C-alpha atoms as a PDB file:
ATOM      1  CA  SER A   1      30.286 160.636  15.686  1.00  0.00           C
ATOM      2  CA  ALA A   2      30.931 164.672  16.626  1.00  0.00           C
ATOM      3  CA  LEU A   3      34.221 166.499  16.480  1.00  0.00           C
ATOM      4  CA  GLN A   4      34.582 170.725  16.761  1.00  0.00           C
ATOM      5  CA  THR A   5      36.949 171.527  13.661  1.00  0.00           C
ATOM      6  CA  VAL A   6      39.789 173.638  14.677  1.00  0.00           C
ATOM      7  CA  GLY A   7      40.057 177.144  13.737  1.00  0.00           C
ATOM      8  CA  THR A   8      36.460 177.358  14.906  1.00  0.00           C
ATOM      9  CA  ASN A   9      33.333 176.654  16.770  1.00  0.00           C
ATOM     10  CA  ASN A  10      31.923 174.654  14.295  1.00  0.00           C
ATOM     11  CA  VAL A  11      31.363 170.700  15.684  1.00  0.00           C
ATOM     12  CA  VAL A  12      30.538 168.309  12.397  1.00  0.00           C
ATOM     13  CA  ILE A  13      27.524 166.218  13.592  1.00  0.00           C
ATOM     14  CA  SER A  14      28.558 162.902  10.652  1.00  0.00           C
ATOM     15  CA  TYR A  15      26.003 160.037  10.751  1.00  0.00           C
ATOM     16  CA  ASP A  16      24.342 157.743   8.658  1.00  0.00           C
ATOM     17  CA  LEU A  17      20.375 157.545   7.750  1.00  0.00           C
ATOM     18  CA  SER A  18      18.629 154.175   6.084  1.00  0.00           C
ATOM     19  CA  ASP A  19      15.084 153.651   5.732  1.00  0.00           C
ATOM     20  CA  THR A  20      13.127 151.892   3.246  1.00  0.00           C
ATOM     21  CA  SER A  21      11.561 154.891   1.983  1.00  0.00           C
ATOM     22  CA  SER A  22      14.630 156.964   0.997  1.00  0.00           C
ATOM     23  CA  SER A  23      13.568 160.180   1.179  1.00  0.00           C
ATOM     24  CA  GLY A  24      11.034 162.433   2.813  1.00  0.00           C
ATOM     25  CA  LEU A  25      12.563 161.796   6.329  1.00  0.00           C
ATOM     26  CA  THR A  26      12.860 163.928   9.682  1.00  0.00           C
ATOM     27  CA  VAL A  27      15.720 163.968  11.053  1.00  0.00           C
ATOM     28  CA  GLU A  28      15.719 164.853  15.032  1.00  0.00           C
ATOM     29  CA  ILE A  29      18.863 165.823  16.959  1.00  0.00           C
ATOM     30  CA  GLY A  30      19.699 166.403  21.162  1.00  0.00           C
ATOM     31  CA  ILE A  31      22.878 167.339  22.968  1.00  0.00           C
ATOM     32  CA  SER A  32      24.207 167.153  25.781  1.00  0.00           C
ATOM     33  CA  ASN A  33      26.861 168.601  28.211  1.00  0.00           C
ATOM     34  CA  ASP A  34      27.036 165.479  30.467  1.00  0.00           C
ATOM     35  CA  GLY A  35      27.595 162.868  29.111  1.00  0.00           C
ATOM     36  CA  GLY A  36      24.292 162.574  28.461  1.00  0.00           C
ATOM     37  CA  SER A  37      22.857 162.740  31.821  1.00  0.00           C
ATOM     38  CA  THR A  38      20.325 165.525  29.914  1.00  0.00           C
ATOM     39  CA  TRP A  39      20.153 166.890  26.899  1.00  0.00           C
ATOM     40  CA  ASP A  40      19.568 170.086  26.817  1.00  0.00           C
ATOM     41  CA  VAL A  41      21.798 172.128  25.407  1.00  0.00           C
ATOM     42  CA  THR A  42      20.650 174.872  22.662  1.00  0.00           C
ATOM     43  CA  LYS A  43      20.826 173.581  19.530  1.00  0.00           C
ATOM     44  CA  THR A  44      19.153 176.250  17.282  1.00  0.00           C
ATOM     45  CA  SER A  45      22.524 177.322  15.187  1.00  0.00           C
ATOM     46  CA  VAL A  46      22.459 173.677  13.935  1.00  0.00           C
ATOM     47  CA  THR A  47      22.654 172.959   9.374  1.00  0.00           C
ATOM     48  CA  GLY A  48      22.709 170.654   6.586  1.00  0.00           C
ATOM     49  CA  ASP A  49      21.044 167.514   6.585  1.00  0.00           C
ATOM     50  CA  VAL A  50      18.546 168.146   9.628  1.00  0.00           C
ATOM     51  CA  GLY A  51      15.280 168.558  10.394  1.00  0.00           C
ATOM     52  CA  ALA A  52      12.751 167.830   7.760  1.00  0.00           C
ATOM     53  CA  GLY A  53      12.781 166.848   4.107  1.00  0.00           C
ATOM     54  CA  GLN A  54      16.082 164.503   4.311  1.00  0.00           C
ATOM     55  CA  THR A  55      17.479 161.451   2.237  1.00  0.00           C
ATOM     56  CA  THR A  56      19.057 158.287   3.201  1.00  0.00           C
ATOM     57  CA  GLY A  57      22.661 158.359   2.760  1.00  0.00           C
ATOM     58  CA  SER A  58      26.020 159.033   4.769  1.00  0.00           C
ATOM     59  CA  LYS A  59      25.119 162.789   6.026  1.00  0.00           C
ATOM     60  CA  SER A  60      26.660 166.043   8.310  1.00  0.00           C
ATOM     61  CA  ILE A  61      25.368 168.347  10.306  1.00  0.00           C
ATOM     62  CA  THR A  62      27.111 171.608  11.512  1.00  0.00           C
ATOM     63  CA  TRP A  63      26.415 172.951  15.168  1.00  0.00           C
ATOM     64  CA  ASP A  64      27.964 176.350  15.768  1.00  0.00           C
ATOM     65  CA  ALA A  65      29.022 175.892  19.614  1.00  0.00           C
ATOM     66  CA  GLY A  66      29.829 179.550  19.799  1.00  0.00           C
ATOM     67  CA  ALA A  67      26.503 180.719  19.299  1.00  0.00           C
ATOM     68  CA  ASP A  68      24.386 178.082  21.008  1.00  0.00           C
ATOM     69  CA  PHE A  69      26.917 177.255  23.923  1.00  0.00           C
ATOM     70  CA  GLY A  70      29.501 180.153  24.075  1.00  0.00           C
ATOM     71  CA  ASN A  71      32.538 181.289  26.468  1.00  0.00           C
ATOM     72  CA  GLN A  72      31.807 177.213  27.916  1.00  0.00           C
ATOM     73  CA  TYR A  73      34.494 174.407  27.761  1.00  0.00           C
ATOM     74  CA  GLU A  74      33.471 170.722  28.400  1.00  0.00           C
ATOM     75  CA  ASN A  75      34.937 167.599  27.928  1.00  0.00           C
ATOM     76  CA  ASP A  76      31.603 165.275  28.459  1.00  0.00           C
ATOM     77  CA  MET A  77      29.724 166.272  25.360  1.00  0.00           C
ATOM     78  CA  ARG A  78      27.271 163.669  23.178  1.00  0.00           C
ATOM     79  CA  VAL A  79      25.035 163.941  20.459  1.00  0.00           C
ATOM     80  CA  ARG A  80      22.224 161.939  19.885  1.00  0.00           C
ATOM     81  CA  ILE A  81      20.302 161.481  16.489  1.00  0.00           C
ATOM     82  CA  ARG A  82      16.958 159.997  15.747  1.00  0.00           C
ATOM     83  CA  ALA A  83      14.704 160.032  12.391  1.00  0.00           C
ATOM     84  CA  THR A  84      11.324 159.529  11.582  1.00  0.00           C
ATOM     85  CA  ASP A  85      10.427 158.596   8.181  1.00  0.00           C
ATOM     86  CA  SER A  86       6.965 159.908   6.062  1.00  0.00           C
ATOM     87  CA  PHE A  87       4.631 157.207   7.985  1.00  0.00           C
ATOM     88  CA  GLY A  88       5.313 158.113  11.302  1.00  0.00           C
ATOM     89  CA  ASN A  89       7.940 155.198  11.718  1.00  0.00           C
ATOM     90  CA  ILE A  90      10.247 156.403  14.466  1.00  0.00           C
ATOM     91  CA  GLY A  91      13.785 155.017  14.790  1.00  0.00           C
ATOM     92  CA  ASP A  92      15.124 155.038  18.007  1.00  0.00           C
ATOM     93  CA  TYR A  93      17.935 157.475  19.120  1.00  0.00           C
ATOM     94  CA  THR A  94      21.738 156.885  17.754  1.00  0.00           C
ATOM     95  CA  GLY A  95      24.306 158.350  20.307  1.00  0.00           C
ATOM     96  CA  SER A  96      28.167 159.260  19.779  1.00  0.00           C
ATOM     97  CA  SER A  97      30.620 158.813  22.041  1.00  0.00           C
ATOM     98  CA  ASN A  98      31.770 162.004  24.397  1.00  0.00           C
ATOM     99  CA  PHE A  99      33.744 164.885  22.994  1.00  0.00           C
ATOM    100  CA  THR A 100      35.112 167.794  24.130  1.00  0.00           C
ATOM    101  CA  VAL A 101      33.496 171.185  23.345  1.00  0.00           C
ATOM    102  CA  ASP A 102      35.644 174.214  23.400  1.00  0.00           C
ATOM    103  CA  THR A 103      34.387 177.495  22.974  1.00  0.00           C
ATOM    104  CA  SER A 104      35.954 179.679  26.061  1.00  0.00           C
ATOM    105  CA  ASN A 105      38.037 182.632  25.355  1.00  0.00           C
ATOM    106  CA  ALA A 106      42.179 182.608  25.737  1.00  0.00           C
ATOM    107  CA  ILE A 107      42.502 185.065  28.552  1.00  0.00           C
ATOM    108  CA  VAL A 108      46.051 187.208  29.161  1.00  0.00           C
ATOM    109  CA  SER A 109      46.078 188.907  32.493  1.00  0.00           C
ATOM    110  CA  SER A 110      49.043 190.704  34.921  1.00  0.00           C
ATOM    111  CA  VAL A 111      50.801 191.980  31.885  1.00  0.00           C
ATOM    112  CA  SER A 112      53.632 194.071  32.378  1.00  0.00           C
ATOM    113  CA  ALA A 113      56.905 195.824  31.408  1.00  0.00           C
ATOM    114  CA  LEU A 114      60.554 196.746  32.298  1.00  0.00           C
ATOM    115  CA  GLN A 115      63.527 197.671  30.111  1.00  0.00           C
ATOM    116  CA  ASN A 116      66.582 195.874  31.068  1.00  0.00           C
ATOM    117  CA  SER A 117      69.528 197.536  32.716  1.00  0.00           C
ATOM    118  CA  GLY A 118      72.057 197.553  30.748  1.00  0.00           C
ATOM    119  CA  THR A 119      70.359 196.908  27.461  1.00  0.00           C
ATOM    120  CA  ASN A 120      67.348 198.136  24.987  1.00  0.00           C
ATOM    121  CA  ASN A 121      65.514 195.023  25.282  1.00  0.00           C
ATOM    122  CA  ILE A 122      61.855 195.444  27.548  1.00  0.00           C
ATOM    123  CA  ILE A 123      60.821 192.176  28.680  1.00  0.00           C
ATOM    124  CA  ILE A 124      56.821 191.818  28.976  1.00  0.00           C
ATOM    125  CA  SER A 125      55.291 189.862  31.580  1.00  0.00           C
ATOM    126  CA  TYR A 126      52.541 187.992  31.644  1.00  0.00           C
ATOM    127  CA  ASP A 127      49.659 185.131  32.986  1.00  0.00           C
ATOM    128  CA  LEU A 128      48.178 182.720  29.688  1.00  0.00           C
ATOM    129  CA  SER A 129      45.422 180.825  30.634  1.00  0.00           C
ATOM    130  CA  ASP A 130      42.808 178.303  28.644  1.00  0.00           C
ATOM    131  CA  GLU A 131      40.844 175.551  28.622  1.00  0.00           C
ATOM    132  CA  SER A 132      42.917 173.963  25.448  1.00  0.00           C
ATOM    133  CA  SER A 133      46.118 174.307  27.158  1.00  0.00           C
ATOM    134  CA  SER A 134      48.689 174.468  24.068  1.00  0.00           C
ATOM    135  CA  ASN A 135      48.655 175.494  20.558  1.00  0.00           C
ATOM    136  CA  ILE A 136      47.497 179.448  21.642  1.00  0.00           C
ATOM    137  CA  THR A 137      48.280 182.441  19.627  1.00  0.00           C
ATOM    138  CA  VAL A 138      49.297 185.504  21.171  1.00  0.00           C
ATOM    139  CA  GLU A 139      49.109 189.417  19.809  1.00  0.00           C
ATOM    140  CA  LEU A 140      51.827 191.724  20.618  1.00  0.00           C
ATOM    141  CA  ASP A 141      51.069 195.402  20.464  1.00  0.00           C
ATOM    142  CA  ILE A 142      52.628 198.179  21.558  1.00  0.00           C
ATOM    143  CA  SER A 143      51.849 202.579  22.319  1.00  0.00           C
ATOM    144  CA  ASP A 144      54.078 205.022  22.994  1.00  0.00           C
ATOM    145  CA  ASP A 145      50.997 207.425  23.911  1.00  0.00           C
ATOM    146  CA  VAL A 146      49.833 206.057  26.869  1.00  0.00           C
ATOM    147  CA  GLY A 147      47.473 203.355  24.827  1.00  0.00           C
ATOM    148  CA  SER A 148      45.927 206.216  22.716  1.00  0.00           C
ATOM    149  CA  THR A 149      47.496 205.016  19.110  1.00  0.00           C
ATOM    150  CA  TRP A 150      49.337 201.121  18.993  1.00  0.00           C
ATOM    151  CA  THR A 151      51.405 201.625  16.562  1.00  0.00           C
ATOM    152  CA  VAL A 152      54.884 200.937  17.490  1.00  0.00           C
ATOM    153  CA  ALA A 153      56.874 198.235  15.711  1.00  0.00           C
ATOM    154  CA  SER A 154      57.464 194.980  17.255  1.00  0.00           C
ATOM    155  CA  SER A 155      58.805 193.321  14.956  1.00  0.00           C
ATOM    156  CA  SER A 156      62.265 192.182  17.075  1.00  0.00           C
ATOM    157  CA  ALA A 157      59.770 190.551  19.701  1.00  0.00           C
ATOM    158  CA  THR A 158      60.646 186.598  20.704  1.00  0.00           C
ATOM    159  CA  GLY A 159      59.543 184.541  23.111  1.00  0.00           C
ATOM    160  CA  ASP A 160      56.423 183.713  24.210  1.00  0.00           C
ATOM    161  CA  VAL A 161      54.521 185.551  21.401  1.00  0.00           C
ATOM    162  CA  GLY A 162      53.067 184.389  18.043  1.00  0.00           C
ATOM    163  CA  ALA A 163      52.103 181.171  17.642  1.00  0.00           C
ATOM    164  CA  GLY A 164      52.123 177.585  19.471  1.00  0.00           C
ATOM    165  CA  VAL A 165      52.427 179.488  22.848  1.00  0.00           C
ATOM    166  CA  SER A 166      51.134 177.385  25.560  1.00  0.00           C
ATOM    167  CA  SER A 167      49.445 178.564  29.161  1.00  0.00           C
ATOM    168  CA  GLY A 168      50.597 179.229  32.172  1.00  0.00           C
ATOM    169  CA  SER A 169      52.380 182.194  34.547  1.00  0.00           C
ATOM    170  CA  GLY A 170      55.283 184.165  34.098  1.00  0.00           C
ATOM    171  CA  LYS A 171      55.013 183.199  29.644  1.00  0.00           C
ATOM    172  CA  SER A 172      58.027 186.383  28.591  1.00  0.00           C
ATOM    173  CA  ILE A 173      58.298 187.948  25.450  1.00  0.00           C
ATOM    174  CA  THR A 174      61.740 190.513  24.791  1.00  0.00           C
ATOM    175  CA  TRP A 175      61.128 193.036  22.587  1.00  0.00           C
ATOM    176  CA  ASP A 176      64.624 194.597  21.281  1.00  0.00           C
ATOM    177  CA  ALA A 177      63.281 198.598  21.533  1.00  0.00           C
ATOM    178  CA  GLY A 178      66.510 199.429  19.538  1.00  0.00           C
ATOM    179  CA  THR A 179      66.109 197.494  16.449  1.00  0.00           C
ATOM    180  CA  ASP A 180      62.248 198.931  16.231  1.00  0.00           C
ATOM    181  CA  PHE A 181      62.540 202.291  18.244  1.00  0.00           C
ATOM    182  CA  ASP A 182      65.963 203.533  18.365  1.00  0.00           C
ATOM    183  CA  ASN A 183      66.993 206.685  19.533  1.00  0.00           C
ATOM    184  CA  GLU A 184      63.535 207.204  21.967  1.00  0.00           C
ATOM    185  CA  ASP A 185      63.344 208.069  25.420  1.00  0.00           C
ATOM    186  CA  GLN A 186      59.527 208.160  26.301  1.00  0.00           C
ATOM    187  CA  SER A 187      57.784 207.967  29.195  1.00  0.00           C
ATOM    188  CA  GLY A 188      54.306 207.011  28.155  1.00  0.00           C
ATOM    189  CA  MET A 189      55.098 202.948  26.593  1.00  0.00           C
ATOM    190  CA  ARG A 190      52.542 200.732  27.364  1.00  0.00           C
ATOM    191  CA  VAL A 191      51.912 197.428  25.496  1.00  0.00           C
ATOM    192  CA  ARG A 192      49.057 194.705  25.114  1.00  0.00           C
ATOM    193  CA  LEU A 193      48.300 191.236  24.263  1.00  0.00           C
ATOM    194  CA  ARG A 194      45.619 189.135  23.547  1.00  0.00           C
ATOM    195  CA  ALA A 195      45.214 185.515  22.751  1.00  0.00           C
ATOM    196  CA  THR A 196      43.769 183.340  20.399  1.00  0.00           C
ATOM    197  CA  ASP A 197      43.130 179.793  21.158  1.00  0.00           C
ATOM    198  CA  ALA A 198      42.992 176.684  19.044  1.00  0.00           C
ATOM    199  CA  TYR A 199      38.950 177.288  18.240  1.00  0.00           C
ATOM    200  CA  GLY A 200      39.255 180.739  17.626  1.00  0.00           C
ATOM    201  CA  ASN A 201      38.282 181.497  21.125  1.00  0.00           C
ATOM    202  CA  ARG A 202      40.139 185.440  20.970  1.00  0.00           C
ATOM    203  CA  GLY A 203      40.125 187.058  24.652  1.00  0.00           C
ATOM    204  CA  ASN A 204      40.621 190.463  25.440  1.00  0.00           C
ATOM    205  CA  TYR A 205      43.500 192.848  24.999  1.00  0.00           C
ATOM    206  CA  SER A 206      44.794 193.322  28.656  1.00  0.00           C
ATOM    207  CA  GLY A 207      47.558 196.098  29.211  1.00  0.00           C
ATOM    208  CA  SER A 208      50.703 196.992  30.917  1.00  0.00           C
ATOM    209  CA  PRO A 209      51.022 199.601  32.880  1.00  0.00           C
ATOM    210  CA  SER A 210      53.008 203.137  31.790  1.00  0.00           C
ATOM    211  CA  PHE A 211      56.584 202.666  31.404  1.00  0.00           C
ATOM    212  CA  SER A 212      59.936 204.090  29.906  1.00  0.00           C
ATOM    213  CA  VAL A 213      62.310 203.576  27.297  1.00  0.00           C
ATOM    214  CA  ASP A 214      65.716 205.554  27.110  1.00  0.00           C
ATOM    215  CA  THR A 215      66.996 204.396  22.888  1.00  0.00           C
ATOM    216  CA  VAL A 216      68.982 207.310  23.140  1.00  0.00           C
ATOM    217  CA  ASP A 217      72.046 207.563  23.229  1.00  0.00           C
ATOM    218  CA  PRO A 218      73.923 210.434  25.433  1.00  0.00           C
ATOM    219  CA  THR A 219      75.511 213.280  23.970  1.00  0.00           C
ATOM    220  CA  VAL A 220      78.965 214.895  25.463  1.00  0.00           C
ATOM    221  CA  SER A 221      79.933 217.993  23.911  1.00  0.00           C
ATOM    222  CA  SER A 222      82.350 221.793  25.006  1.00  0.00           C
ATOM    223  CA  VAL A 223      85.337 219.100  26.233  1.00  0.00           C
ATOM    224  CA  SER A 224      88.246 221.553  27.042  1.00  0.00           C
ATOM    225  CA  ALA A 225      91.737 220.998  29.161  1.00  0.00           C
ATOM    226  CA  SER A 226      94.017 222.912  30.981  1.00  0.00           C
ATOM    227  CA  GLN A 227      97.022 223.096  33.512  1.00  0.00           C
ATOM    228  CA  ILE A 228      96.023 224.776  36.718  1.00  0.00           C
ATOM    229  CA  GLY A 229      98.852 226.834  37.340  1.00  0.00           C
ATOM    230  CA  GLY A 230     101.676 226.387  40.131  1.00  0.00           C
ATOM    231  CA  SER A 231      99.971 222.511  40.255  1.00  0.00           C
ATOM    232  CA  THR A 232     100.390 219.336  38.230  1.00  0.00           C
ATOM    233  CA  ASP A 233      96.729 218.611  38.517  1.00  0.00           C
ATOM    234  CA  VAL A 234      94.730 219.085  34.754  1.00  0.00           C
ATOM    235  CA  VAL A 235      90.944 219.575  34.833  1.00  0.00           C
ATOM    236  CA  ILE A 236      88.819 219.120  32.277  1.00  0.00           C
ATOM    237  CA  THR A 237      85.165 220.273  31.736  1.00  0.00           C
ATOM    238  CA  TYR A 238      82.622 219.004  29.463  1.00  0.00           C
ATOM    239  CA  ASN A 239      78.745 219.285  29.030  1.00  0.00           C
ATOM    240  CA  LEU A 240      76.477 215.726  29.633  1.00  0.00           C
ATOM    241  CA  ALA A 241      72.910 215.510  28.043  1.00  0.00           C
ATOM    242  CA  GLU A 242      71.140 212.012  29.471  1.00  0.00           C
ATOM    243  CA  THR A 243      67.886 211.582  31.205  1.00  0.00           C
ATOM    244  CA  ASN A 244      69.762 208.746  33.067  1.00  0.00           C
ATOM    245  CA  ASN A 245      73.195 208.326  34.878  1.00  0.00           C
ATOM    246  CA  SER A 246      75.761 208.042  32.555  1.00  0.00           C
ATOM    247  CA  THR A 247      79.291 206.284  33.133  1.00  0.00           C
ATOM    248  CA  ILE A 248      82.139 208.389  31.571  1.00  0.00           C
ATOM    249  CA  GLU A 249      84.965 207.562  29.886  1.00  0.00           C
ATOM    250  CA  LEU A 250      87.985 209.743  29.439  1.00  0.00           C
ATOM    251  CA  ASP A 251      91.035 209.019  27.285  1.00  0.00           C
ATOM    252  CA  ILE A 252      94.604 210.880  26.850  1.00  0.00           C
ATOM    253  CA  SER A 253      96.648 211.374  23.912  1.00  0.00           C
ATOM    254  CA  ASP A 254     100.080 213.179  24.019  1.00  0.00           C
ATOM    255  CA  ASP A 255      99.998 212.893  19.595  1.00  0.00           C
ATOM    256  CA  SER A 256      97.259 215.086  19.123  1.00  0.00           C
ATOM    257  CA  GLY A 257      94.947 212.838  18.948  1.00  0.00           C
ATOM    258  CA  GLY A 258      96.973 210.206  16.705  1.00  0.00           C
ATOM    259  CA  THR A 259      96.815 207.465  19.526  1.00  0.00           C
ATOM    260  CA  TRP A 260      95.225 207.858  23.011  1.00  0.00           C
ATOM    261  CA  ASN A 261      97.353 205.190  25.041  1.00  0.00           C
ATOM    262  CA  VAL A 262      98.642 208.106  28.004  1.00  0.00           C
ATOM    263  CA  THR A 263      97.501 206.760  31.667  1.00  0.00           C
ATOM    264  CA  SER A 264      94.853 208.260  33.226  1.00  0.00           C
ATOM    265  CA  ALA A 265      94.688 206.265  36.401  1.00  0.00           C
ATOM    266  CA  SER A 266      94.274 209.499  38.879  1.00  0.00           C
ATOM    267  CA  VAL A 267      91.439 211.184  37.841  1.00  0.00           C
ATOM    268  CA  THR A 268      88.932 212.053  39.647  1.00  0.00           C
ATOM    269  CA  GLY A 269      85.276 213.930  39.697  1.00  0.00           C
ATOM    270  CA  ASP A 270      82.953 213.504  37.459  1.00  0.00           C
ATOM    271  CA  VAL A 271      84.359 210.171  35.546  1.00  0.00           C
ATOM    272  CA  GLY A 272      83.391 206.516  36.221  1.00  0.00           C
ATOM    273  CA  ALA A 273      80.041 205.222  36.558  1.00  0.00           C
ATOM    274  CA  GLY A 274      77.275 206.904  38.173  1.00  0.00           C
ATOM    275  CA  VAL A 275      77.438 210.371  36.889  1.00  0.00           C
ATOM    276  CA  SER A 276      74.565 212.655  36.502  1.00  0.00           C
ATOM    277  CA  ALA A 277      73.486 215.220  33.411  1.00  0.00           C
ATOM    278  CA  GLY A 278      74.035 218.661  33.757  1.00  0.00           C
ATOM    279  CA  SER A 279      76.651 221.611  32.010  1.00  0.00           C
ATOM    280  CA  GLY A 280      80.297 222.212  33.637  1.00  0.00           C
ATOM    281  CA  LYS A 281      80.997 218.293  34.537  1.00  0.00           C
ATOM    282  CA  SER A 282      84.514 218.147  36.074  1.00  0.00           C
ATOM    283  CA  ILE A 283      87.656 215.781  35.748  1.00  0.00           C
ATOM    284  CA  THR A 284      90.843 216.472  37.848  1.00  0.00           C
ATOM    285  CA  TRP A 285      93.814 214.665  36.359  1.00  0.00           C
ATOM    286  CA  ASP A 286      96.961 214.674  38.126  1.00  0.00           C
ATOM    287  CA  ALA A 287      99.401 214.746  35.721  1.00  0.00           C
ATOM    288  CA  GLY A 288     102.703 214.471  38.286  1.00  0.00           C
ATOM    289  CA  VAL A 289     101.340 210.980  38.655  1.00  0.00           C
ATOM    290  CA  ASP A 290     100.173 209.612  35.267  1.00  0.00           C
ATOM    291  CA  PHE A 291     102.104 211.723  32.801  1.00  0.00           C
ATOM    292  CA  ASN A 292     105.232 212.951  35.209  1.00  0.00           C
ATOM    293  CA  SER A 293     108.578 215.129  33.893  1.00  0.00           C
ATOM    294  CA  GLN A 294     106.837 215.582  30.663  1.00  0.00           C
ATOM    295  CA  GLN A 295     106.608 218.582  28.508  1.00  0.00           C
ATOM    296  CA  GLN A 296     103.936 218.322  25.665  1.00  0.00           C
ATOM    297  CA  SER A 297     102.210 220.436  23.841  1.00  0.00           C
ATOM    298  CA  ASP A 298     100.058 218.231  21.800  1.00  0.00           C
ATOM    299  CA  LEU A 299      97.898 216.874  24.323  1.00  0.00           C
ATOM    300  CA  ARG A 300      94.496 215.981  24.061  1.00  0.00           C
ATOM    301  CA  VAL A 301      91.700 214.509  26.054  1.00  0.00           C
ATOM    302  CA  ARG A 302      88.175 212.665  24.220  1.00  0.00           C
ATOM    303  CA  VAL A 303      85.223 211.897  26.672  1.00  0.00           C
ATOM    304  CA  ARG A 304      82.412 209.616  26.038  1.00  0.00           C
ATOM    305  CA  ALA A 305      79.151 208.962  28.237  1.00  0.00           C
ATOM    306  CA  THR A 306      77.327 205.090  28.516  1.00  0.00           C
ATOM    307  CA  ASP A 307      74.202 205.462  29.892  1.00  0.00           C
ATOM    308  CA  THR A 308      72.432 202.842  32.667  1.00  0.00           C
ATOM    309  CA  TYR A 309      70.497 200.922  28.934  1.00  0.00           C
ATOM    310  CA  ASN A 310      74.148 201.036  27.406  1.00  0.00           C
ATOM    311  CA  ASN A 311      73.206 203.655  24.781  1.00  0.00           C
ATOM    312  CA  ILE A 312      76.814 204.829  24.114  1.00  0.00           C
ATOM    313  CA  SER A 313      77.698 208.606  22.959  1.00  0.00           C
ATOM    314  CA  LEU A 314      80.406 209.782  20.288  1.00  0.00           C
ATOM    315  CA  TYR A 315      83.432 210.976  21.881  1.00  0.00           C
ATOM    316  CA  SER A 316      83.905 214.360  22.107  1.00  0.00           C
ATOM    317  CA  GLN A 317      87.370 215.865  22.438  1.00  0.00           C
ATOM    318  CA  SER A 318      89.463 219.030  23.560  1.00  0.00           C
ATOM    319  CA  SER A 319      91.803 220.758  20.998  1.00  0.00           C
ATOM    320  CA  ASP A 320      95.031 220.136  21.934  1.00  0.00           C
END
C-alpha cells in the first residue's frame, strides 16, 4: 500500500517480504503516474527498506515525492515492488492500488483590499486554488509602507483566513483596522496572502495594490457663536481637520452646557453631511425661528464631526 502523509510530501509505502533465505535480499521499486501503464517516475529519494541488504518481514519505504515529483497532482499513482534473493531468484512484481500524490502549491491570486465606507473594517478579497480543495491554511500580512515591511498587526482578521479554508473565488477576510491600527491615516497600505495545503505545499505570496486606511478621528476646534446685529441669525464658526468629508452635528444649550435641548432645525451652511475640512467653517442658526421671544446670556453651541469611515471627533464648544 502507499499513502501520502498529511503535512508532508512523503509517501509511505508498506509491504511484506518473505523468502526462505531471510536476509541478503534486494528490493526494487517502480512508480507510475498513469495507473500502471508506465513506470517512469523518478524515485531517487526513496529511503528505508529498499535496495540491497533487506531482511524478511513487514517493511516500509519512504518516497519524497516533493523532491522527485514536485509541483504535481495525480490521483492515479501506483507503486510496484519485487525482490531478488542472494541466489538471483527474482520474485514477481506486487503493485499497490491507485493513490493520490499532491505536491502542487496552493495558489492565491486577485488580491484586493478596501476600507468599508462607514466603518473601520478593511475587506480583503482573493481567489484560492488548490487540487486538494479543503483544509488550506491562509496567512495574512499587512504593510503600511508600500510593502517595505509587513509588521502591522492583523490579530482582528476574521473570515477566510487561518486554517480550514477551502479553495474558490471571491474569498473574503475582514480586518478591523480600528482595533489593530487605530488613529492612523495611511495611503501606502498593502496586504499579502499565501496558502499552505494539507500536505505542506506552500504557494508564493500574492499582494494587493496600495490602498488607504483612515482610523483617525476628525478634529473640531475654535468654535464660536455670536448673533448678527440687526437680525435673529446666530453665526457659528469653527475649524475642521480631517482627510475626508465629514458629517457635522450641532447642539445648542440655553444653560451654559447643562443641557443641549434647544431646537436647531433652522441651521444652514457647513452642517450635516458632506462638509469638507478647513478653517472658518460657518453655520447660520435662525434663532428667531427655533428660539423665538427669548433673551438668554448663557447660550452655548457644541460641534462634533463624523468622517466617512465613522471616526467621531470629540465635541468642541463655544463660550457663553
